[in-house]
Amino acid sequence: MSDVMVGGDSFMVQGTEAVKHCAKKTGASCAGLVAVGGKDMEVRGNSSEDRVEFRLYSFETDKQAGAVMKSLADTERKSSAEYGEPSEPVTVASGADEIDAFQDDATAVAVMRIGTVVAHVHTTEIKPSDLEHVATVQVQRVKTVAAGKNPGY
C-alpha cells in the first residue's frame, strides 16, 4: 500500500473472542477458526471517507474457510441491500483460490479464500480498479506467510 495509505494498529485475536468476532461479522458458526486479524487504513491527507478495511480469518481446513467465505459474502450483500444500494458483481483478478467481489454506490468488497485463510477487503469511496490492487496485495501477503516467509511492509 506504500505511503498512500495510513492506518491504525493491526489486531489479532484467538479463542472465544475470535469465534465471537467471526460469527458476528460472517453470520457463520466459524468452526475450525484459528485466529482473526485485521487493519484499517485511510488515504493519507484525505479528509474524505476513502478507506480500506482488511480482515483475515484463519481456519484449520480449506473446506471450513470456504464455507465462511461464502457466508461472509452473503452477509455483505445483504447489508448492502438493506441500505437500498444492491451490490453488483465485479471482476477482480487477485490470485485467490476463490473470490466473490461486488460493489454498490459507495463500497467495493472482495471476499477471498487463499488456502485455509479467508481474506476480506472492504473499501469505501475507492475505485473498483483500486479494489483489485489491494485484493492482489492481500493475496500475495497471505501466500508469502503461508510459505513461511515474512511479507515485510
N, C-alpha and C. Protein backbone atom coordinates (compact mmCIF):
# COMPACT_ATOMS: atom_id res chain seq x y z
N MET A 1 0.82 -1.19 0.00
CA MET A 1 0.00 0.00 0.00
C MET A 1 0.87 1.25 0.00
N SER A 2 2.15 1.10 0.12
CA SER A 2 3.15 2.17 0.12
C SER A 2 2.79 3.29 1.07
N ASP A 3 3.14 4.49 0.71
CA ASP A 3 2.90 5.61 1.61
C ASP A 3 1.59 6.34 1.31
N VAL A 4 0.77 5.79 0.42
CA VAL A 4 -0.50 6.42 0.08
C VAL A 4 -1.52 6.21 1.20
N MET A 5 -1.44 5.07 1.87
CA MET A 5 -2.40 4.73 2.91
C MET A 5 -1.74 4.77 4.29
N VAL A 6 -2.49 5.23 5.27
CA VAL A 6 -2.05 5.21 6.66
C VAL A 6 -3.15 4.57 7.48
N GLY A 7 -2.79 4.03 8.63
CA GLY A 7 -3.82 3.40 9.42
C GLY A 7 -3.39 3.16 10.84
N GLY A 8 -4.33 2.68 11.60
CA GLY A 8 -4.09 2.36 12.99
C GLY A 8 -3.35 1.05 13.13
N ASP A 9 -3.25 0.62 14.35
CA ASP A 9 -2.56 -0.63 14.64
C ASP A 9 -3.36 -1.82 14.14
N SER A 10 -2.66 -2.86 13.77
CA SER A 10 -3.34 -4.09 13.40
C SER A 10 -3.78 -4.80 14.69
N PHE A 11 -4.73 -5.74 14.54
CA PHE A 11 -5.17 -6.52 15.70
C PHE A 11 -5.18 -7.99 15.33
N MET A 12 -5.12 -8.84 16.35
CA MET A 12 -5.21 -10.28 16.18
C MET A 12 -5.82 -10.86 17.44
N VAL A 13 -6.82 -11.72 17.28
CA VAL A 13 -7.45 -12.39 18.42
C VAL A 13 -7.58 -13.87 18.12
N GLN A 14 -7.59 -14.67 19.20
CA GLN A 14 -7.76 -16.12 19.09
C GLN A 14 -8.79 -16.56 20.12
N GLY A 15 -9.12 -17.84 20.08
CA GLY A 15 -10.02 -18.41 21.07
C GLY A 15 -11.45 -17.91 20.96
N THR A 16 -12.12 -17.86 22.10
CA THR A 16 -13.54 -17.49 22.16
C THR A 16 -13.79 -16.11 21.57
N GLU A 17 -12.90 -15.17 21.86
CA GLU A 17 -13.07 -13.80 21.34
C GLU A 17 -13.04 -13.80 19.81
N ALA A 18 -12.16 -14.59 19.22
CA ALA A 18 -12.06 -14.67 17.77
C ALA A 18 -13.33 -15.29 17.17
N VAL A 19 -13.83 -16.35 17.78
CA VAL A 19 -15.04 -17.01 17.28
C VAL A 19 -16.23 -16.06 17.34
N LYS A 20 -16.36 -15.32 18.44
CA LYS A 20 -17.46 -14.34 18.55
C LYS A 20 -17.35 -13.27 17.47
N HIS A 21 -16.14 -12.74 17.26
CA HIS A 21 -15.92 -11.72 16.22
C HIS A 21 -16.29 -12.28 14.85
N CYS A 22 -15.79 -13.47 14.55
CA CYS A 22 -16.03 -14.11 13.26
C CYS A 22 -17.52 -14.35 13.03
N ALA A 23 -18.20 -14.92 14.01
CA ALA A 23 -19.62 -15.22 13.87
C ALA A 23 -20.44 -13.95 13.65
N LYS A 24 -20.10 -12.89 14.37
CA LYS A 24 -20.82 -11.61 14.24
C LYS A 24 -20.63 -11.03 12.84
N LYS A 25 -19.43 -11.07 12.32
CA LYS A 25 -19.12 -10.46 11.03
C LYS A 25 -19.55 -11.31 9.84
N THR A 26 -19.51 -12.63 10.00
CA THR A 26 -19.75 -13.51 8.86
C THR A 26 -21.11 -14.17 8.83
N GLY A 27 -21.79 -14.24 9.97
CA GLY A 27 -23.06 -14.94 10.03
C GLY A 27 -22.89 -16.45 10.02
N ALA A 28 -21.68 -16.95 10.27
CA ALA A 28 -21.38 -18.38 10.26
C ALA A 28 -20.96 -18.83 11.65
N SER A 29 -20.93 -20.14 11.87
CA SER A 29 -20.52 -20.66 13.17
C SER A 29 -19.00 -20.55 13.37
N CYS A 30 -18.25 -20.45 12.29
CA CYS A 30 -16.79 -20.31 12.32
C CYS A 30 -16.08 -21.52 12.92
N ALA A 31 -16.60 -22.71 12.62
CA ALA A 31 -15.97 -23.95 13.07
C ALA A 31 -14.56 -24.03 12.51
N GLY A 32 -13.61 -24.43 13.35
CA GLY A 32 -12.23 -24.59 12.93
C GLY A 32 -11.43 -23.30 12.87
N LEU A 33 -12.00 -22.22 13.38
CA LEU A 33 -11.29 -20.93 13.35
C LEU A 33 -10.05 -21.00 14.24
N VAL A 34 -8.94 -20.50 13.73
CA VAL A 34 -7.69 -20.45 14.48
C VAL A 34 -7.46 -19.04 15.03
N ALA A 35 -7.63 -18.03 14.17
CA ALA A 35 -7.39 -16.65 14.59
C ALA A 35 -8.05 -15.68 13.61
N VAL A 36 -8.25 -14.45 14.09
CA VAL A 36 -8.77 -13.36 13.27
C VAL A 36 -7.81 -12.18 13.44
N GLY A 37 -7.53 -11.52 12.35
CA GLY A 37 -6.68 -10.32 12.41
C GLY A 37 -7.16 -9.30 11.41
N GLY A 38 -6.69 -8.07 11.58
CA GLY A 38 -7.08 -7.05 10.63
C GLY A 38 -6.40 -5.72 10.86
N LYS A 39 -6.69 -4.83 9.93
CA LYS A 39 -6.15 -3.47 9.99
C LYS A 39 -7.04 -2.59 9.13
N ASP A 40 -7.26 -1.35 9.57
CA ASP A 40 -8.00 -0.35 8.80
C ASP A 40 -7.03 0.71 8.34
N MET A 41 -7.21 1.19 7.11
CA MET A 41 -6.31 2.20 6.56
C MET A 41 -7.13 3.28 5.84
N GLU A 42 -6.58 4.49 5.81
CA GLU A 42 -7.21 5.60 5.10
C GLU A 42 -6.19 6.24 4.18
N VAL A 43 -6.70 6.96 3.17
CA VAL A 43 -5.81 7.66 2.26
C VAL A 43 -5.15 8.80 3.03
N ARG A 44 -3.82 8.86 2.95
CA ARG A 44 -3.05 9.89 3.67
C ARG A 44 -3.46 11.29 3.23
N GLY A 45 -3.74 12.15 4.23
CA GLY A 45 -4.03 13.55 3.95
C GLY A 45 -5.37 13.81 3.29
N ASN A 46 -6.23 12.82 3.27
CA ASN A 46 -7.52 12.97 2.61
C ASN A 46 -8.60 13.11 3.67
N SER A 47 -9.41 14.14 3.57
CA SER A 47 -10.45 14.37 4.57
C SER A 47 -11.76 13.66 4.21
N SER A 48 -11.78 12.95 3.09
CA SER A 48 -13.00 12.24 2.70
C SER A 48 -13.08 10.89 3.41
N GLU A 49 -13.93 10.05 2.91
CA GLU A 49 -14.17 8.74 3.51
C GLU A 49 -13.38 7.61 2.83
N ASP A 50 -12.36 7.94 2.04
CA ASP A 50 -11.58 6.92 1.33
C ASP A 50 -10.86 6.03 2.33
N ARG A 51 -11.25 4.75 2.40
CA ARG A 51 -10.62 3.85 3.36
C ARG A 51 -10.70 2.40 2.90
N VAL A 52 -9.84 1.58 3.49
CA VAL A 52 -9.81 0.15 3.22
C VAL A 52 -9.74 -0.57 4.56
N GLU A 53 -10.57 -1.59 4.71
CA GLU A 53 -10.54 -2.44 5.90
C GLU A 53 -10.12 -3.84 5.47
N PHE A 54 -9.11 -4.37 6.14
CA PHE A 54 -8.61 -5.71 5.86
C PHE A 54 -8.94 -6.61 7.04
N ARG A 55 -9.48 -7.80 6.78
CA ARG A 55 -9.70 -8.80 7.82
C ARG A 55 -9.21 -10.14 7.28
N LEU A 56 -8.56 -10.90 8.15
CA LEU A 56 -8.11 -12.24 7.82
C LEU A 56 -8.67 -13.21 8.85
N TYR A 57 -9.23 -14.32 8.37
CA TYR A 57 -9.78 -15.37 9.21
C TYR A 57 -9.04 -16.64 8.85
N SER A 58 -8.31 -17.21 9.79
CA SER A 58 -7.51 -18.41 9.54
C SER A 58 -8.24 -19.64 10.09
N PHE A 59 -8.32 -20.70 9.28
CA PHE A 59 -9.04 -21.91 9.65
C PHE A 59 -8.14 -23.14 9.58
N GLU A 60 -8.63 -24.22 10.14
CA GLU A 60 -7.89 -25.48 10.13
C GLU A 60 -7.89 -26.13 8.75
N THR A 61 -9.00 -25.98 7.99
CA THR A 61 -9.11 -26.64 6.68
C THR A 61 -9.62 -25.67 5.60
N ASP A 62 -9.34 -26.03 4.35
CA ASP A 62 -9.85 -25.26 3.20
C ASP A 62 -11.37 -25.26 3.19
N LYS A 63 -11.97 -26.41 3.52
CA LYS A 63 -13.43 -26.54 3.50
C LYS A 63 -14.08 -25.58 4.50
N GLN A 64 -13.53 -25.49 5.71
CA GLN A 64 -14.06 -24.56 6.72
C GLN A 64 -13.93 -23.12 6.23
N ALA A 65 -12.78 -22.80 5.66
CA ALA A 65 -12.55 -21.44 5.14
C ALA A 65 -13.53 -21.14 4.01
N GLY A 66 -13.76 -22.09 3.12
CA GLY A 66 -14.68 -21.89 2.01
C GLY A 66 -16.11 -21.63 2.46
N ALA A 67 -16.55 -22.34 3.48
CA ALA A 67 -17.92 -22.15 3.99
C ALA A 67 -18.07 -20.75 4.59
N VAL A 68 -17.08 -20.30 5.35
CA VAL A 68 -17.16 -18.97 5.96
C VAL A 68 -17.03 -17.89 4.89
N MET A 69 -16.22 -18.13 3.89
CA MET A 69 -16.09 -17.16 2.80
C MET A 69 -17.45 -16.90 2.15
N LYS A 70 -18.16 -17.97 1.84
CA LYS A 70 -19.48 -17.82 1.20
C LYS A 70 -20.47 -17.12 2.13
N SER A 71 -20.45 -17.45 3.41
CA SER A 71 -21.35 -16.81 4.36
C SER A 71 -21.04 -15.33 4.52
N LEU A 72 -19.75 -15.00 4.57
CA LEU A 72 -19.35 -13.59 4.69
C LEU A 72 -19.78 -12.79 3.47
N ALA A 73 -19.60 -13.33 2.27
CA ALA A 73 -20.02 -12.64 1.06
C ALA A 73 -21.53 -12.42 1.07
N ASP A 74 -22.30 -13.43 1.47
CA ASP A 74 -23.76 -13.29 1.56
C ASP A 74 -24.15 -12.21 2.56
N THR A 75 -23.47 -12.19 3.72
CA THR A 75 -23.76 -11.20 4.76
C THR A 75 -23.48 -9.79 4.24
N GLU A 76 -22.38 -9.61 3.53
CA GLU A 76 -22.04 -8.30 2.97
C GLU A 76 -23.08 -7.86 1.94
N ARG A 77 -23.51 -8.77 1.08
CA ARG A 77 -24.52 -8.42 0.07
C ARG A 77 -25.85 -8.02 0.73
N LYS A 78 -26.25 -8.76 1.75
CA LYS A 78 -27.49 -8.44 2.46
C LYS A 78 -27.40 -7.07 3.10
N SER A 79 -26.26 -6.74 3.68
CA SER A 79 -26.06 -5.44 4.30
C SER A 79 -26.20 -4.33 3.26
N SER A 80 -25.63 -4.52 2.10
CA SER A 80 -25.72 -3.54 1.03
C SER A 80 -27.18 -3.33 0.62
N ALA A 81 -27.93 -4.41 0.47
CA ALA A 81 -29.33 -4.33 0.06
C ALA A 81 -30.19 -3.64 1.12
N GLU A 82 -29.86 -3.85 2.40
CA GLU A 82 -30.62 -3.21 3.48
C GLU A 82 -30.52 -1.69 3.43
N TYR A 83 -29.42 -1.20 2.90
CA TYR A 83 -29.25 0.25 2.78
C TYR A 83 -29.79 0.79 1.46
N GLY A 84 -30.49 -0.05 0.72
CA GLY A 84 -31.10 0.37 -0.52
C GLY A 84 -30.12 0.51 -1.67
N GLU A 85 -28.94 -0.07 -1.54
CA GLU A 85 -27.92 0.00 -2.58
C GLU A 85 -27.50 -1.41 -2.96
N PRO A 86 -28.33 -2.14 -3.69
CA PRO A 86 -27.96 -3.52 -4.04
C PRO A 86 -26.61 -3.57 -4.73
N SER A 87 -25.82 -4.55 -4.36
CA SER A 87 -24.47 -4.68 -4.93
C SER A 87 -24.53 -5.35 -6.30
N GLU A 88 -23.53 -5.03 -7.10
CA GLU A 88 -23.36 -5.62 -8.42
C GLU A 88 -22.03 -6.36 -8.43
N PRO A 89 -21.96 -7.52 -9.09
CA PRO A 89 -20.69 -8.25 -9.14
C PRO A 89 -19.64 -7.47 -9.93
N VAL A 90 -18.39 -7.60 -9.51
CA VAL A 90 -17.27 -7.04 -10.27
C VAL A 90 -16.22 -8.14 -10.44
N THR A 91 -15.45 -8.03 -11.49
CA THR A 91 -14.38 -8.99 -11.75
C THR A 91 -13.10 -8.46 -11.14
N VAL A 92 -12.49 -9.29 -10.29
CA VAL A 92 -11.23 -8.93 -9.64
C VAL A 92 -10.28 -10.11 -9.81
N ALA A 93 -9.17 -9.88 -10.47
CA ALA A 93 -8.15 -10.92 -10.66
C ALA A 93 -7.10 -10.76 -9.56
N SER A 94 -7.31 -11.46 -8.45
CA SER A 94 -6.45 -11.28 -7.28
C SER A 94 -5.45 -12.42 -7.08
N GLY A 95 -5.68 -13.56 -7.71
CA GLY A 95 -4.82 -14.72 -7.49
C GLY A 95 -5.30 -15.62 -6.36
N ALA A 96 -6.49 -15.34 -5.80
CA ALA A 96 -7.06 -16.15 -4.72
C ALA A 96 -7.57 -17.48 -5.28
N ASP A 97 -7.71 -18.48 -4.41
CA ASP A 97 -8.29 -19.77 -4.81
C ASP A 97 -9.76 -19.60 -5.17
N GLU A 98 -10.46 -18.77 -4.41
CA GLU A 98 -11.86 -18.43 -4.67
C GLU A 98 -12.02 -16.95 -4.36
N ILE A 99 -12.93 -16.30 -5.10
CA ILE A 99 -13.19 -14.89 -4.82
C ILE A 99 -14.64 -14.56 -5.17
N ASP A 100 -15.21 -13.68 -4.38
CA ASP A 100 -16.52 -13.12 -4.64
C ASP A 100 -16.35 -11.62 -4.43
N ALA A 101 -16.48 -10.85 -5.50
CA ALA A 101 -16.27 -9.40 -5.41
C ALA A 101 -17.50 -8.68 -5.96
N PHE A 102 -17.82 -7.55 -5.32
CA PHE A 102 -19.01 -6.78 -5.71
C PHE A 102 -18.88 -5.36 -5.22
N GLN A 103 -19.75 -4.49 -5.75
CA GLN A 103 -19.75 -3.09 -5.34
C GLN A 103 -21.15 -2.54 -5.32
N ASP A 104 -21.35 -1.48 -4.55
CA ASP A 104 -22.58 -0.71 -4.60
C ASP A 104 -22.17 0.74 -4.83
N ASP A 105 -23.01 1.69 -4.50
CA ASP A 105 -22.70 3.09 -4.77
C ASP A 105 -21.45 3.59 -4.05
N ALA A 106 -21.22 3.15 -2.83
CA ALA A 106 -20.13 3.71 -2.02
C ALA A 106 -19.04 2.72 -1.65
N THR A 107 -19.31 1.42 -1.78
CA THR A 107 -18.33 0.44 -1.32
C THR A 107 -18.02 -0.60 -2.39
N ALA A 108 -16.84 -1.18 -2.28
CA ALA A 108 -16.45 -2.32 -3.11
C ALA A 108 -15.84 -3.33 -2.16
N VAL A 109 -16.17 -4.61 -2.37
CA VAL A 109 -15.78 -5.66 -1.44
C VAL A 109 -15.21 -6.84 -2.22
N ALA A 110 -14.16 -7.44 -1.65
CA ALA A 110 -13.64 -8.70 -2.16
C ALA A 110 -13.55 -9.65 -0.97
N VAL A 111 -14.20 -10.80 -1.08
CA VAL A 111 -14.10 -11.86 -0.08
C VAL A 111 -13.41 -13.02 -0.78
N MET A 112 -12.25 -13.41 -0.25
CA MET A 112 -11.40 -14.37 -0.95
C MET A 112 -10.99 -15.51 -0.02
N ARG A 113 -10.77 -16.68 -0.64
CA ARG A 113 -10.18 -17.80 0.08
C ARG A 113 -8.81 -18.08 -0.52
N ILE A 114 -7.81 -18.08 0.33
CA ILE A 114 -6.45 -18.41 -0.07
C ILE A 114 -6.06 -19.58 0.83
N GLY A 115 -6.21 -20.80 0.35
CA GLY A 115 -5.95 -21.97 1.19
C GLY A 115 -6.91 -21.98 2.37
N THR A 116 -6.37 -21.96 3.58
CA THR A 116 -7.19 -22.02 4.79
C THR A 116 -7.49 -20.64 5.36
N VAL A 117 -7.21 -19.60 4.58
CA VAL A 117 -7.42 -18.22 5.04
C VAL A 117 -8.53 -17.55 4.23
N VAL A 118 -9.42 -16.87 4.93
CA VAL A 118 -10.42 -16.02 4.28
C VAL A 118 -9.92 -14.59 4.44
N ALA A 119 -9.77 -13.90 3.32
CA ALA A 119 -9.36 -12.50 3.32
C ALA A 119 -10.56 -11.66 2.91
N HIS A 120 -10.86 -10.66 3.70
CA HIS A 120 -11.98 -9.77 3.45
C HIS A 120 -11.43 -8.36 3.28
N VAL A 121 -11.63 -7.80 2.09
CA VAL A 121 -11.19 -6.43 1.81
C VAL A 121 -12.44 -5.62 1.53
N HIS A 122 -12.67 -4.60 2.36
CA HIS A 122 -13.86 -3.75 2.25
C HIS A 122 -13.39 -2.32 2.04
N THR A 123 -13.72 -1.74 0.88
CA THR A 123 -13.29 -0.39 0.57
C THR A 123 -14.47 0.57 0.56
N THR A 124 -14.21 1.80 0.93
CA THR A 124 -15.23 2.84 0.90
C THR A 124 -14.70 4.00 0.06
N GLU A 125 -15.50 4.41 -0.91
CA GLU A 125 -15.15 5.53 -1.79
C GLU A 125 -13.84 5.32 -2.52
N ILE A 126 -13.59 4.08 -2.93
CA ILE A 126 -12.37 3.76 -3.69
C ILE A 126 -12.79 3.08 -4.99
N LYS A 127 -12.13 3.40 -6.08
CA LYS A 127 -12.47 2.87 -7.39
C LYS A 127 -12.32 1.34 -7.43
N PRO A 128 -13.16 0.65 -8.22
CA PRO A 128 -13.04 -0.80 -8.34
C PRO A 128 -11.65 -1.25 -8.78
N SER A 129 -10.97 -0.48 -9.61
CA SER A 129 -9.61 -0.86 -10.02
C SER A 129 -8.67 -0.87 -8.82
N ASP A 130 -8.91 0.03 -7.86
CA ASP A 130 -8.11 0.04 -6.64
C ASP A 130 -8.43 -1.17 -5.77
N LEU A 131 -9.69 -1.65 -5.81
CA LEU A 131 -10.05 -2.87 -5.08
C LEU A 131 -9.20 -4.02 -5.59
N GLU A 132 -9.04 -4.13 -6.89
CA GLU A 132 -8.23 -5.22 -7.44
C GLU A 132 -6.79 -5.12 -6.94
N HIS A 133 -6.26 -3.92 -6.90
CA HIS A 133 -4.89 -3.73 -6.42
C HIS A 133 -4.74 -4.18 -4.96
N VAL A 134 -5.61 -3.70 -4.08
CA VAL A 134 -5.46 -4.04 -2.66
C VAL A 134 -5.78 -5.51 -2.41
N ALA A 135 -6.71 -6.09 -3.17
CA ALA A 135 -7.01 -7.52 -3.03
C ALA A 135 -5.79 -8.35 -3.46
N THR A 136 -5.15 -7.97 -4.54
CA THR A 136 -3.97 -8.69 -5.02
C THR A 136 -2.83 -8.60 -4.01
N VAL A 137 -2.63 -7.42 -3.44
CA VAL A 137 -1.59 -7.25 -2.42
C VAL A 137 -1.88 -8.17 -1.23
N GLN A 138 -3.15 -8.22 -0.81
CA GLN A 138 -3.51 -9.05 0.34
C GLN A 138 -3.25 -10.52 0.04
N VAL A 139 -3.63 -10.99 -1.13
CA VAL A 139 -3.41 -12.39 -1.51
C VAL A 139 -1.92 -12.71 -1.53
N GLN A 140 -1.12 -11.83 -2.10
CA GLN A 140 0.33 -12.06 -2.14
C GLN A 140 0.91 -12.16 -0.73
N ARG A 141 0.46 -11.31 0.17
CA ARG A 141 0.96 -11.33 1.55
C ARG A 141 0.58 -12.64 2.25
N VAL A 142 -0.66 -13.10 2.07
CA VAL A 142 -1.09 -14.35 2.68
C VAL A 142 -0.27 -15.51 2.14
N LYS A 143 -0.04 -15.55 0.83
CA LYS A 143 0.75 -16.63 0.23
C LYS A 143 2.20 -16.59 0.72
N THR A 144 2.74 -15.41 0.92
CA THR A 144 4.11 -15.29 1.41
C THR A 144 4.22 -15.85 2.82
N VAL A 145 3.27 -15.50 3.68
CA VAL A 145 3.27 -16.01 5.06
C VAL A 145 3.06 -17.52 5.05
N ALA A 146 2.15 -18.02 4.21
CA ALA A 146 1.90 -19.46 4.13
C ALA A 146 3.15 -20.22 3.71
N ALA A 147 4.03 -19.56 2.97
CA ALA A 147 5.29 -20.18 2.53
C ALA A 147 6.38 -20.06 3.60
N GLY A 148 6.01 -19.50 4.76
CA GLY A 148 6.96 -19.40 5.87
C GLY A 148 7.90 -18.22 5.80
N LYS A 149 7.53 -17.21 5.01
CA LYS A 149 8.38 -16.03 4.85
C LYS A 149 7.70 -14.81 5.46
N ASN A 150 8.48 -13.82 5.82
CA ASN A 150 7.97 -12.56 6.34
C ASN A 150 7.60 -11.67 5.15
N PRO A 151 6.33 -11.21 5.07
CA PRO A 151 5.93 -10.40 3.92
C PRO A 151 6.50 -8.99 3.96
N GLY A 152 7.02 -8.56 5.11
CA GLY A 152 7.57 -7.21 5.22
C GLY A 152 6.50 -6.16 5.02
N TYR A 153 6.93 -4.97 4.76
CA TYR A 153 5.98 -3.87 4.55
C TYR A 153 6.14 -3.39 3.16
